[in-house]
C-alpha atoms as a PDB file:
ATOM      1  CA  MET A   1      -4.875  -8.945   3.349  1.00  0.00           C
ATOM      2  CA  GLU A   2      -7.364  -7.714   5.904  1.00  0.00           C
ATOM      3  CA  GLU A   3     -10.847  -9.036   5.333  1.00  0.00           C
ATOM      4  CA  ARG A   4     -14.272  -7.588   5.994  1.00  0.00           C
ATOM      5  CA  GLY A   5     -17.199  -9.919   5.919  1.00  0.00           C
ATOM      6  CA  THR A   6     -20.285 -10.963   7.777  1.00  0.00           C
ATOM      7  CA  PHE A   7     -20.979 -13.432  10.513  1.00  0.00           C
ATOM      8  CA  VAL A   8     -24.389 -14.898  11.338  1.00  0.00           C
ATOM      9  CA  SER A   9     -25.376 -14.590  14.981  1.00  0.00           C
ATOM     10  CA  VAL A  10     -27.084 -17.460  16.765  1.00  0.00           C
ATOM     11  CA  THR A  11     -30.156 -15.184  16.681  1.00  0.00           C
ATOM     12  CA  GLY A  12     -30.046 -15.142  12.874  1.00  0.00           C
ATOM     13  CA  ALA A  13     -28.906 -11.522  12.674  1.00  0.00           C
ATOM     14  CA  GLU A  14     -26.066 -10.680  10.314  1.00  0.00           C
ATOM     15  CA  LEU A  15     -23.068  -9.146  12.076  1.00  0.00           C
ATOM     16  CA  GLU A  16     -19.829  -7.630  10.863  1.00  0.00           C
ATOM     17  CA  ARG A  17     -16.725  -9.819  11.058  1.00  0.00           C
ATOM     18  CA  ARG A  18     -13.158  -8.586  10.592  1.00  0.00           C
ATOM     19  CA  LEU A  19      -9.978 -10.558  10.063  1.00  0.00           C
ATOM     20  CA  TRP A  20      -6.376  -9.329  10.226  1.00  0.00           C
ATOM     21  CA  PRO A  21      -4.079 -12.148   9.018  1.00  0.00           C
ATOM     22  CA  ALA A  22      -0.647 -12.571  10.559  1.00  0.00           C
ATOM     23  CA  GLN A  23       1.991 -10.786   8.506  1.00  0.00           C
ATOM     24  CA  ALA A  24       4.376 -13.744   8.791  1.00  0.00           C
ATOM     25  CA  ALA A  25       3.973 -17.432   9.548  1.00  0.00           C
ATOM     26  CA  PRO A  26       1.103 -17.355  12.069  1.00  0.00           C
ATOM     27  CA  ARG A  27       1.981 -18.165  15.670  1.00  0.00           C
ATOM     28  CA  GLY A  28      -1.528 -18.062  17.051  1.00  0.00           C
ATOM     29  CA  VAL A  29      -4.999 -16.581  16.768  1.00  0.00           C
ATOM     30  CA  VAL A  30      -6.396 -13.790  18.965  1.00  0.00           C
ATOM     31  CA  GLN A  31     -10.170 -13.356  18.985  1.00  0.00           C
ATOM     32  CA  LEU A  32     -11.232  -9.862  20.078  1.00  0.00           C
ATOM     33  CA  VAL A  33     -14.465  -9.323  22.002  1.00  0.00           C
ATOM     34  CA  HIS A  34     -15.273  -5.600  22.085  1.00  0.00           C
ATOM     35  CA  GLY A  35     -16.931  -3.485  24.738  1.00  0.00           C
ATOM     36  CA  MET A  36     -20.210  -1.698  25.303  1.00  0.00           C
ATOM     37  CA  ALA A  37     -21.422   0.968  22.876  1.00  0.00           C
ATOM     38  CA  GLU A  38     -18.555   0.603  20.398  1.00  0.00           C
ATOM     39  CA  HIS A  39     -17.588  -1.743  17.520  1.00  0.00           C
ATOM     40  CA  ILE A  40     -14.813  -3.978  16.237  1.00  0.00           C
ATOM     41  CA  ASP A  41     -13.275  -1.343  13.926  1.00  0.00           C
ATOM     42  CA  ARG A  42     -12.004   0.557  16.977  1.00  0.00           C
ATOM     43  CA  TYR A  43      -9.456  -2.249  17.472  1.00  0.00           C
ATOM     44  CA  ASP A  44      -7.780  -1.770  14.099  1.00  0.00           C
ATOM     45  CA  ASP A  45      -4.512  -0.352  15.500  1.00  0.00           C
ATOM     46  CA  THR A  46      -4.292  -3.074  18.138  1.00  0.00           C
ATOM     47  CA  ALA A  47      -5.057  -5.798  15.602  1.00  0.00           C
ATOM     48  CA  ARG A  48      -2.361  -4.449  13.278  1.00  0.00           C
ATOM     49  CA  ALA A  49       0.188  -4.510  16.111  1.00  0.00           C
ATOM     50  CA  LEU A  50      -0.682  -8.136  16.876  1.00  0.00           C
ATOM     51  CA  SER A  51      -0.688  -9.038  13.186  1.00  0.00           C
ATOM     52  CA  ALA A  52       2.805  -7.586  12.770  1.00  0.00           C
ATOM     53  CA  ALA A  53       3.934  -9.793  15.661  1.00  0.00           C
ATOM     54  CA  GLY A  54       2.692 -12.944  13.925  1.00  0.00           C
ATOM     55  CA  PHE A  55      -0.824 -13.328  15.306  1.00  0.00           C
ATOM     56  CA  THR A  56      -3.947 -13.663  13.203  1.00  0.00           C
ATOM     57  CA  VAL A  57      -6.667 -11.490  14.722  1.00  0.00           C
ATOM     58  CA  VAL A  58     -10.410 -11.922  14.305  1.00  0.00           C
ATOM     59  CA  GLY A  59     -13.453 -10.296  15.838  1.00  0.00           C
ATOM     60  CA  HIS A  60     -17.067  -9.377  15.238  1.00  0.00           C
ATOM     61  CA  THR A  61     -19.386  -6.531  16.167  1.00  0.00           C
ATOM     62  CA  HIS A  62     -21.903  -7.608  18.819  1.00  0.00           C
ATOM     63  CA  LEU A  63     -25.639  -7.787  18.551  1.00  0.00           C
ATOM     64  CA  GLY A  64     -27.105  -4.339  19.197  1.00  0.00           C
ATOM     65  CA  HIS A  65     -23.969  -2.599  17.953  1.00  0.00           C
ATOM     66  CA  GLY A  66     -22.674  -1.190  14.699  1.00  0.00           C
ATOM     67  CA  THR A  67     -24.462  -0.129  11.544  1.00  0.00           C
ATOM     68  CA  ARG A  68     -26.311  -3.452  11.240  1.00  0.00           C
ATOM     69  CA  ALA A  69     -28.040  -3.143  14.621  1.00  0.00           C
ATOM     70  CA  ALA A  70     -31.826  -3.002  14.421  1.00  0.00           C
ATOM     71  CA  THR A  71     -31.906  -1.309  17.851  1.00  0.00           C
ATOM     72  CA  LYS A  72     -28.750   0.118  19.388  1.00  0.00           C
ATOM     73  CA  GLY A  73     -28.000  -1.307  22.827  1.00  0.00           C
ATOM     74  CA  TYR A  74     -30.527  -4.154  22.552  1.00  0.00           C
ATOM     75  CA  PHE A  75     -29.457  -7.790  22.181  1.00  0.00           C
ATOM     76  CA  ALA A  76     -32.527 -10.013  21.940  1.00  0.00           C
ATOM     77  CA  PRO A  77     -36.081 -10.370  23.317  1.00  0.00           C
ATOM     78  CA  GLU A  78     -34.792 -13.026  25.728  1.00  0.00           C
ATOM     79  CA  GLY A  79     -31.471 -14.690  26.482  1.00  0.00           C
ATOM     80  CA  GLY A  80     -29.508 -11.734  25.147  1.00  0.00           C
ATOM     81  CA  TRP A  81     -26.392 -12.361  27.235  1.00  0.00           C
ATOM     82  CA  GLU A  82     -26.341 -16.042  26.311  1.00  0.00           C
ATOM     83  CA  ALA A  83     -26.579 -15.001  22.667  1.00  0.00           C
ATOM     84  CA  LEU A  84     -23.457 -12.848  23.032  1.00  0.00           C
ATOM     85  CA  VAL A  85     -21.584 -15.782  24.589  1.00  0.00           C
ATOM     86  CA  ALA A  86     -22.849 -18.187  21.934  1.00  0.00           C
ATOM     87  CA  ASP A  87     -21.778 -15.818  19.142  1.00  0.00           C
ATOM     88  CA  VAL A  88     -18.238 -15.724  20.536  1.00  0.00           C
ATOM     89  CA  HIS A  89     -18.153 -19.517  20.577  1.00  0.00           C
ATOM     90  CA  ALA A  90     -19.603 -19.849  17.084  1.00  0.00           C
ATOM     91  CA  LEU A  91     -16.939 -17.519  15.700  1.00  0.00           C
ATOM     92  CA  ARG A  92     -14.225 -19.433  17.564  1.00  0.00           C
ATOM     93  CA  VAL A  93     -15.417 -22.741  16.097  1.00  0.00           C
ATOM     94  CA  GLN A  94     -15.499 -21.174  12.642  1.00  0.00           C
ATOM     95  CA  CYS A  95     -11.994 -19.744  12.987  1.00  0.00           C
ATOM     96  CA  GLN A  96     -10.465 -22.897  14.408  1.00  0.00           C
ATOM     97  CA  ALA A  97     -11.843 -24.752  11.407  1.00  0.00           C
ATOM     98  CA  GLU A  98     -10.131 -22.168   9.163  1.00  0.00           C
ATOM     99  CA  PHE A  99      -6.786 -21.947  10.971  1.00  0.00           C
ATOM    100  CA  GLY A 100      -6.297 -25.456  12.268  1.00  0.00           C
ATOM    101  CA  ARG A 101      -4.505 -26.185  15.517  1.00  0.00           C
ATOM    102  CA  LEU A 102      -2.887 -22.802  16.083  1.00  0.00           C
ATOM    103  CA  PRO A 103      -2.830 -21.633  19.728  1.00  0.00           C
ATOM    104  CA  TYR A 104      -6.068 -19.763  20.342  1.00  0.00           C
ATOM    105  CA  PHE A 105      -6.528 -16.776  22.682  1.00  0.00           C
ATOM    106  CA  LEU A 106      -9.589 -14.779  23.707  1.00  0.00           C
ATOM    107  CA  LEU A 107      -9.216 -11.071  24.479  1.00  0.00           C
ATOM    108  CA  GLY A 108     -12.218  -9.228  25.896  1.00  0.00           C
ATOM    109  CA  HIS A 109     -12.414  -5.533  26.734  1.00  0.00           C
ATOM    110  CA  SER A 110     -14.831  -3.988  29.264  1.00  0.00           C
ATOM    111  CA  MET A 111     -18.266  -5.509  28.592  1.00  0.00           C
ATOM    112  CA  GLY A 112     -16.411  -7.887  26.293  1.00  0.00           C
ATOM    113  CA  SER A 113     -14.319  -8.999  29.265  1.00  0.00           C
ATOM    114  CA  PHE A 114     -17.539  -9.886  31.105  1.00  0.00           C
ATOM    115  CA  VAL A 115     -18.723 -11.849  28.059  1.00  0.00           C
ATOM    116  CA  VAL A 116     -15.388 -13.692  27.988  1.00  0.00           C
ATOM    117  CA  ARG A 117     -15.620 -14.465  31.705  1.00  0.00           C
ATOM    118  CA  SER A 118     -19.084 -15.951  31.133  1.00  0.00           C
ATOM    119  CA  TYR A 119     -17.758 -17.791  28.097  1.00  0.00           C
ATOM    120  CA  CYS A 120     -14.965 -19.427  30.073  1.00  0.00           C
ATOM    121  CA  LEU A 121     -17.475 -21.040  32.428  1.00  0.00           C
ATOM    122  CA  ARG A 122     -18.900 -22.890  29.415  1.00  0.00           C
ATOM    123  CA  HIS A 123     -16.313 -23.273  26.661  1.00  0.00           C
ATOM    124  CA  GLU A 124     -12.829 -22.594  28.046  1.00  0.00           C
ATOM    125  CA  SER A 125     -11.356 -26.001  27.187  1.00  0.00           C
ATOM    126  CA  GLY A 126      -8.687 -25.782  24.490  1.00  0.00           C
ATOM    127  CA  LEU A 127      -7.837 -22.106  24.893  1.00  0.00           C
ATOM    128  CA  SER A 128      -4.169 -21.180  25.184  1.00  0.00           C
ATOM    129  CA  GLY A 129      -4.922 -18.087  27.250  1.00  0.00           C
ATOM    130  CA  VAL A 130      -7.467 -15.456  28.226  1.00  0.00           C
ATOM    131  CA  VAL A 131      -6.882 -11.690  28.339  1.00  0.00           C
ATOM    132  CA  LEU A 132      -9.238  -9.363  30.229  1.00  0.00           C
ATOM    133  CA  SER A 133      -8.884  -5.646  29.502  1.00  0.00           C
ATOM    134  CA  GLY A 134     -10.716  -3.040  31.572  1.00  0.00           C
ATOM    135  CA  THR A 135     -12.698  -5.586  33.551  1.00  0.00           C
ATOM    136  CA  GLY A 136     -14.452  -4.854  36.834  1.00  0.00           C
ATOM    137  CA  HIS A 137     -15.841  -6.359  40.007  1.00  0.00           C
ATOM    138  CA  PHE A 138     -19.437  -5.846  41.106  1.00  0.00           C
ATOM    139  CA  GLU A 139     -21.042  -6.622  44.439  1.00  0.00           C
ATOM    140  CA  THR A 140     -24.315  -8.551  44.693  1.00  0.00           C
ATOM    141  CA  PRO A 141     -26.432  -5.637  46.066  1.00  0.00           C
ATOM    142  CA  GLN A 142     -25.229  -3.383  43.255  1.00  0.00           C
ATOM    143  CA  LEU A 143     -26.200  -5.950  40.621  1.00  0.00           C
ATOM    144  CA  ALA A 144     -29.519  -6.691  42.299  1.00  0.00           C
ATOM    145  CA  LEU A 145     -30.462  -3.012  42.244  1.00  0.00           C
ATOM    146  CA  GLY A 146     -29.485  -2.571  38.605  1.00  0.00           C
ATOM    147  CA  SER A 147     -31.147  -5.746  37.364  1.00  0.00           C
ATOM    148  CA  GLY A 148     -34.294  -5.061  39.377  1.00  0.00           C
ATOM    149  CA  LEU A 149     -34.687  -1.575  37.932  1.00  0.00           C
ATOM    150  CA  ALA A 150     -33.958  -2.822  34.405  1.00  0.00           C
ATOM    151  CA  ALA A 151     -36.502  -5.629  34.789  1.00  0.00           C
ATOM    152  CA  LEU A 152     -39.105  -3.122  35.977  1.00  0.00           C
ATOM    153  CA  LEU A 153     -38.528  -0.892  32.946  1.00  0.00           C
ATOM    154  CA  CYS A 154     -38.793  -3.918  30.655  1.00  0.00           C
ATOM    155  CA  ALA A 155     -42.027  -4.977  32.343  1.00  0.00           C
ATOM    156  CA  VAL A 156     -43.632  -1.614  31.516  1.00  0.00           C
ATOM    157  CA  GLY A 157     -42.723  -1.903  27.838  1.00  0.00           C
ATOM    158  CA  ARG A 158     -39.411  -0.063  27.721  1.00  0.00           C
ATOM    159  CA  ALA A 159     -37.134  -3.007  26.877  1.00  0.00           C
ATOM    160  CA  ARG A 160     -36.200  -1.528  23.492  1.00  0.00           C
ATOM    161  CA  LYS A 161     -36.050   2.067  24.717  1.00  0.00           C
ATOM    162  CA  PRO A 162     -32.774   3.788  25.684  1.00  0.00           C
ATOM    163  CA  SER A 163     -32.454   4.170  29.449  1.00  0.00           C
ATOM    164  CA  PRO A 164     -30.595   7.361  30.433  1.00  0.00           C
ATOM    165  CA  LEU A 165     -31.444   6.571  34.062  1.00  0.00           C
ATOM    166  CA  LEU A 166     -29.622   3.234  34.040  1.00  0.00           C
ATOM    167  CA  GLN A 167     -26.779   4.827  32.095  1.00  0.00           C
ATOM    168  CA  ARG A 168     -26.361   7.503  34.787  1.00  0.00           C
ATOM    169  CA  LEU A 169     -26.564   4.966  37.599  1.00  0.00           C
ATOM    170  CA  SER A 170     -24.028   2.713  35.896  1.00  0.00           C
ATOM    171  CA  SER A 171     -21.476   5.476  35.393  1.00  0.00           C
ATOM    172  CA  VAL A 172     -21.965   7.601  38.499  1.00  0.00           C
ATOM    173  CA  GLY A 173     -18.651   8.874  39.835  1.00  0.00           C
ATOM    174  CA  TYR A 174     -16.669   7.941  36.727  1.00  0.00           C
ATOM    175  CA  LEU A 175     -15.187  11.435  36.332  1.00  0.00           C
ATOM    176  CA  LYS A 176     -14.737  12.472  39.949  1.00  0.00           C
ATOM    177  CA  ARG A 177     -11.006  11.722  40.206  1.00  0.00           C
ATOM    178  CA  TYR A 178      -9.951  13.604  37.084  1.00  0.00           C
ATOM    179  CA  GLU A 179      -8.925  17.208  36.646  1.00  0.00           C
ATOM    180  CA  GLN A 180      -9.815  19.377  33.643  1.00  0.00           C
ATOM    181  CA  VAL A 181     -12.660  17.195  32.417  1.00  0.00           C
ATOM    182  CA  ARG A 182     -13.661  18.165  28.877  1.00  0.00           C
ATOM    183  CA  THR A 183     -16.258  15.553  27.895  1.00  0.00           C
ATOM    184  CA  PRO A 184     -18.485  12.948  29.601  1.00  0.00           C
ATOM    185  CA  PHE A 185     -16.151  10.308  28.141  1.00  0.00           C
ATOM    186  CA  ASP A 186     -12.827  11.501  29.543  1.00  0.00           C
ATOM    187  CA  TRP A 187     -12.751   8.366  31.713  1.00  0.00           C
ATOM    188  CA  LEU A 188     -11.885   6.366  28.586  1.00  0.00           C
ATOM    189  CA  SER A 189      -8.389   7.763  27.999  1.00  0.00           C
ATOM    190  CA  ARG A 190      -5.971  10.578  28.812  1.00  0.00           C
ATOM    191  CA  ASP A 191      -5.448  11.056  25.073  1.00  0.00           C
ATOM    192  CA  PRO A 192      -7.800  13.876  23.999  1.00  0.00           C
ATOM    193  CA  ASP A 193      -7.587  12.844  20.348  1.00  0.00           C
ATOM    194  CA  GLN A 194      -8.812   9.328  21.137  1.00  0.00           C
ATOM    195  CA  VAL A 195     -11.668  10.677  23.243  1.00  0.00           C
ATOM    196  CA  ALA A 196     -12.610  13.089  20.445  1.00  0.00           C
ATOM    197  CA  ARG A 197     -12.676  10.223  17.947  1.00  0.00           C
ATOM    198  CA  TYR A 198     -15.018   8.294  20.231  1.00  0.00           C
ATOM    199  CA  VAL A 199     -17.334  11.288  20.686  1.00  0.00           C
ATOM    200  CA  ALA A 200     -17.429  11.918  16.924  1.00  0.00           C
ATOM    201  CA  ASP A 201     -18.171   8.266  16.069  1.00  0.00           C
ATOM    202  CA  PRO A 202     -21.939   7.787  15.564  1.00  0.00           C
ATOM    203  CA  GLU A 203     -21.510   4.091  16.435  1.00  0.00           C
ATOM    204  CA  CYS A 204     -20.068   4.859  19.879  1.00  0.00           C
ATOM    205  CA  GLY A 205     -21.378   6.178  23.153  1.00  0.00           C
ATOM    206  CA  PHE A 206     -25.063   5.497  22.568  1.00  0.00           C
ATOM    207  CA  PRO A 207     -27.224   4.750  25.635  1.00  0.00           C
ATOM    208  CA  PHE A 208     -28.139   1.124  26.186  1.00  0.00           C
ATOM    209  CA  THR A 209     -31.762   0.054  26.294  1.00  0.00           C
ATOM    210  CA  ALA A 210     -33.404  -1.266  29.434  1.00  0.00           C
ATOM    211  CA  GLY A 211     -33.331  -4.714  27.832  1.00  0.00           C
ATOM    212  CA  GLY A 212     -29.621  -4.455  27.159  1.00  0.00           C
ATOM    213  CA  TYR A 213     -28.939  -3.474  30.758  1.00  0.00           C
ATOM    214  CA  ARG A 214     -31.189  -6.278  31.995  1.00  0.00           C
ATOM    215  CA  ASP A 215     -29.203  -8.833  30.016  1.00  0.00           C
ATOM    216  CA  MET A 216     -25.831  -7.437  31.054  1.00  0.00           C
ATOM    217  CA  PHE A 217     -26.720  -7.327  34.748  1.00  0.00           C
ATOM    218  CA  ASN A 218     -28.033 -10.876  34.537  1.00  0.00           C
ATOM    219  CA  GLY A 219     -24.773 -11.928  32.905  1.00  0.00           C
ATOM    220  CA  LEU A 220     -22.747 -10.320  35.675  1.00  0.00           C
ATOM    221  CA  LYS A 221     -24.909 -12.024  38.291  1.00  0.00           C
ATOM    222  CA  GLY A 222     -23.728 -15.305  36.779  1.00  0.00           C
ATOM    223  CA  LEU A 223     -20.100 -14.633  37.776  1.00  0.00           C
ATOM    224  CA  PRO A 224     -20.050 -15.075  41.585  1.00  0.00           C
ATOM    225  CA  PRO A 225     -16.963 -16.737  43.108  1.00  0.00           C
ATOM    226  CA  GLN A 226     -18.797 -19.991  43.874  1.00  0.00           C
ATOM    227  CA  LYS A 227     -19.426 -20.528  40.136  1.00  0.00           C
ATOM    228  CA  LEU A 228     -15.779 -20.092  39.135  1.00  0.00           C
ATOM    229  CA  THR A 229     -14.659 -23.528  40.269  1.00  0.00           C
ATOM    230  CA  GLY A 230     -15.491 -24.840  36.806  1.00  0.00           C
ATOM    231  CA  LEU A 231     -12.678 -22.821  35.222  1.00  0.00           C
ATOM    232  CA  ARG A 232      -9.771 -24.732  33.679  1.00  0.00           C
ATOM    233  CA  PRO A 233      -6.806 -24.360  36.072  1.00  0.00           C
ATOM    234  CA  GLU A 234      -4.241 -24.691  33.278  1.00  0.00           C
ATOM    235  CA  VAL A 235      -5.549 -21.778  31.147  1.00  0.00           C
ATOM    236  CA  PRO A 236      -3.511 -18.650  32.017  1.00  0.00           C
ATOM    237  CA  VAL A 237      -5.236 -15.306  32.489  1.00  0.00           C
ATOM    238  CA  LEU A 238      -3.854 -11.799  32.017  1.00  0.00           C
ATOM    239  CA  LEU A 239      -5.795  -8.868  33.463  1.00  0.00           C
ATOM    240  CA  PHE A 240      -4.746  -5.326  32.626  1.00  0.00           C
ATOM    241  CA  SER A 241      -6.168  -1.874  33.085  1.00  0.00           C
ATOM    242  CA  GLY A 242      -5.219   1.627  34.071  1.00  0.00           C
ATOM    243  CA  ASP A 243      -4.999   2.326  37.772  1.00  0.00           C
ATOM    244  CA  MET A 244      -7.306   5.296  37.104  1.00  0.00           C
ATOM    245  CA  ASP A 245      -9.990   3.216  35.390  1.00  0.00           C
ATOM    246  CA  PRO A 246     -13.323   3.672  37.202  1.00  0.00           C
ATOM    247  CA  VAL A 247     -14.786   0.470  35.716  1.00  0.00           C
ATOM    248  CA  GLY A 248     -12.030  -1.458  37.459  1.00  0.00           C
ATOM    249  CA  GLY A 249     -12.524   0.407  40.713  1.00  0.00           C
ATOM    250  CA  PHE A 250      -9.259   2.292  40.126  1.00  0.00           C
ATOM    251  CA  GLY A 251      -7.376  -1.006  40.286  1.00  0.00           C
ATOM    252  CA  ALA A 252      -9.151  -2.514  43.292  1.00  0.00           C
ATOM    253  CA  GLY A 253     -11.814  -4.271  41.225  1.00  0.00           C
ATOM    254  CA  VAL A 254      -9.258  -5.769  38.850  1.00  0.00           C
ATOM    255  CA  LYS A 255      -7.299  -7.156  41.784  1.00  0.00           C
ATOM    256  CA  ALA A 256     -10.504  -8.545  43.300  1.00  0.00           C
ATOM    257  CA  VAL A 257     -11.318 -10.432  40.093  1.00  0.00           C
ATOM    258  CA  ALA A 258      -7.767 -11.797  39.994  1.00  0.00           C
ATOM    259  CA  GLU A 259      -8.058 -13.042  43.576  1.00  0.00           C
ATOM    260  CA  GLU A 260     -11.343 -14.779  42.767  1.00  0.00           C
ATOM    261  CA  LEU A 261      -9.699 -16.541  39.823  1.00  0.00           C
ATOM    262  CA  ARG A 262      -6.777 -17.665  41.971  1.00  0.00           C
ATOM    263  CA  ALA A 263      -9.142 -18.886  44.685  1.00  0.00           C
ATOM    264  CA  ALA A 264     -10.996 -20.888  42.021  1.00  0.00           C
ATOM    265  CA  GLY A 265      -7.764 -22.728  41.220  1.00  0.00           C
ATOM    266  CA  VAL A 266      -6.496 -20.912  38.117  1.00  0.00           C
ATOM    267  CA  GLU A 267      -2.773 -21.581  38.251  1.00  0.00           C
ATOM    268  CA  GLU A 268      -1.471 -18.493  36.449  1.00  0.00           C
ATOM    269  CA  VAL A 269      -3.157 -15.126  36.923  1.00  0.00           C
ATOM    270  CA  GLU A 270      -1.182 -12.003  36.060  1.00  0.00           C
ATOM    271  CA  VAL A 271      -2.310  -8.441  36.777  1.00  0.00           C
ATOM    272  CA  LYS A 272      -0.874  -5.379  35.060  1.00  0.00           C
ATOM    273  CA  LEU A 273      -2.046  -1.934  36.194  1.00  0.00           C
ATOM    274  CA  TYR A 274      -0.661   1.036  34.250  1.00  0.00           C
ATOM    275  CA  LEU A 275       0.104   4.148  36.274  1.00  0.00           C
ATOM    276  CA  GLY A 276      -2.295   6.955  35.397  1.00  0.00           C
ATOM    277  CA  GLY A 277      -4.017   4.910  32.707  1.00  0.00           C
ATOM    278  CA  ARG A 278      -7.783   5.003  32.325  1.00  0.00           C
ATOM    279  CA  HIS A 279     -10.260   2.540  30.830  1.00  0.00           C
ATOM    280  CA  GLU A 280      -9.074   1.948  27.275  1.00  0.00           C
ATOM    281  CA  MET A 281      -5.409   1.073  27.532  1.00  0.00           C
ATOM    282  CA  PHE A 282      -5.304   0.257  23.814  1.00  0.00           C
ATOM    283  CA  ASN A 283      -6.173   3.929  23.195  1.00  0.00           C
ATOM    284  CA  GLU A 284      -4.025   5.423  25.939  1.00  0.00           C
ATOM    285  CA  LEU A 285      -0.976   7.654  25.642  1.00  0.00           C
ATOM    286  CA  ASN A 286       1.278   4.643  26.348  1.00  0.00           C
ATOM    287  CA  ARG A 287      -0.532   2.209  24.047  1.00  0.00           C
ATOM    288  CA  GLN A 288       2.730   1.053  22.438  1.00  0.00           C
ATOM    289  CA  GLU A 289       3.885  -0.152  25.855  1.00  0.00           C
ATOM    290  CA  VAL A 290       0.570  -1.963  26.310  1.00  0.00           C
ATOM    291  CA  TRP A 291       0.870  -3.663  22.910  1.00  0.00           C
ATOM    292  CA  ASP A 292       4.447  -4.707  23.664  1.00  0.00           C
ATOM    293  CA  ASP A 293       3.430  -6.175  27.032  1.00  0.00           C
ATOM    294  CA  LEU A 294       0.486  -8.034  25.499  1.00  0.00           C
ATOM    295  CA  ILE A 295       2.585  -9.471  22.678  1.00  0.00           C
ATOM    296  CA  ALA A 296       5.257 -10.601  25.148  1.00  0.00           C
ATOM    297  CA  TRP A 297       2.575 -12.361  27.231  1.00  0.00           C
ATOM    298  CA  LEU A 298       1.100 -14.060  24.164  1.00  0.00           C
ATOM    299  CA  GLU A 299       4.553 -15.190  23.034  1.00  0.00           C
ATOM    300  CA  ARG A 300       5.180 -16.793  26.429  1.00  0.00           C
ATOM    301  CA  HIS A 301       1.996 -18.835  26.070  1.00  0.00           C
ATOM    302  CA  VAL A 302       2.099 -19.889  22.437  1.00  0.00           C
END
């Protein structure tokens, strides 16, 4: 049976943890790492698809997210990004103690994909594979501008305050390639029902604080190509996104990340770009195709 429980962050905060056991003899474990301004419950359909295919699925809701968050979009007074990475590792250690030597996969979406990329620089050993959904590539000047502005806002006492300015700067141009835009979140999916669910969810779409942006930009600054040489060459990586996803630079950013991984020596890097798809391929019109492709990839690497 599916389980809802709690998970203690390295900061001491109590976070939501969800578990979807495999519906047959388990073939592996997939740990989900969710994105920015959402929560782990949004992955219920995807987790059920993986569970039906024989994979136990586990995940938690990040610091600064969900109903337990003291301040939405705020991780910690300092070291917030490292806390996100450490929480992922703590949950992995906990789950591997529960499920033994089953093949273990990490799957991160959007901001969660950035957390997973940071994680792999520290704790990748022993993973059977890494999946990056809706990831992106960011140039140094872009990150320097964002982190500098976020640091300035934090310095004047706005670390815990929502930052509409940083939100606008971070998402500028996201809707420019779409026709018949109905909401500010149409870049998430072509499926209007999925977008409507996101808009109606009080735990989604909230603006991040200046402190949250500061931590995220600092985390992204820790992913330059010269730091990727510490990655394990034998751990395969799957990157997928829609070719109309603005976070992934409409495909170009996803390909750039893949090339950096290959240049760092990762032996197997696969890229899947879905025609017309946007940011959340698990909530897209062709999500069954995406689930089938993901399951096939996992099965090849069990």
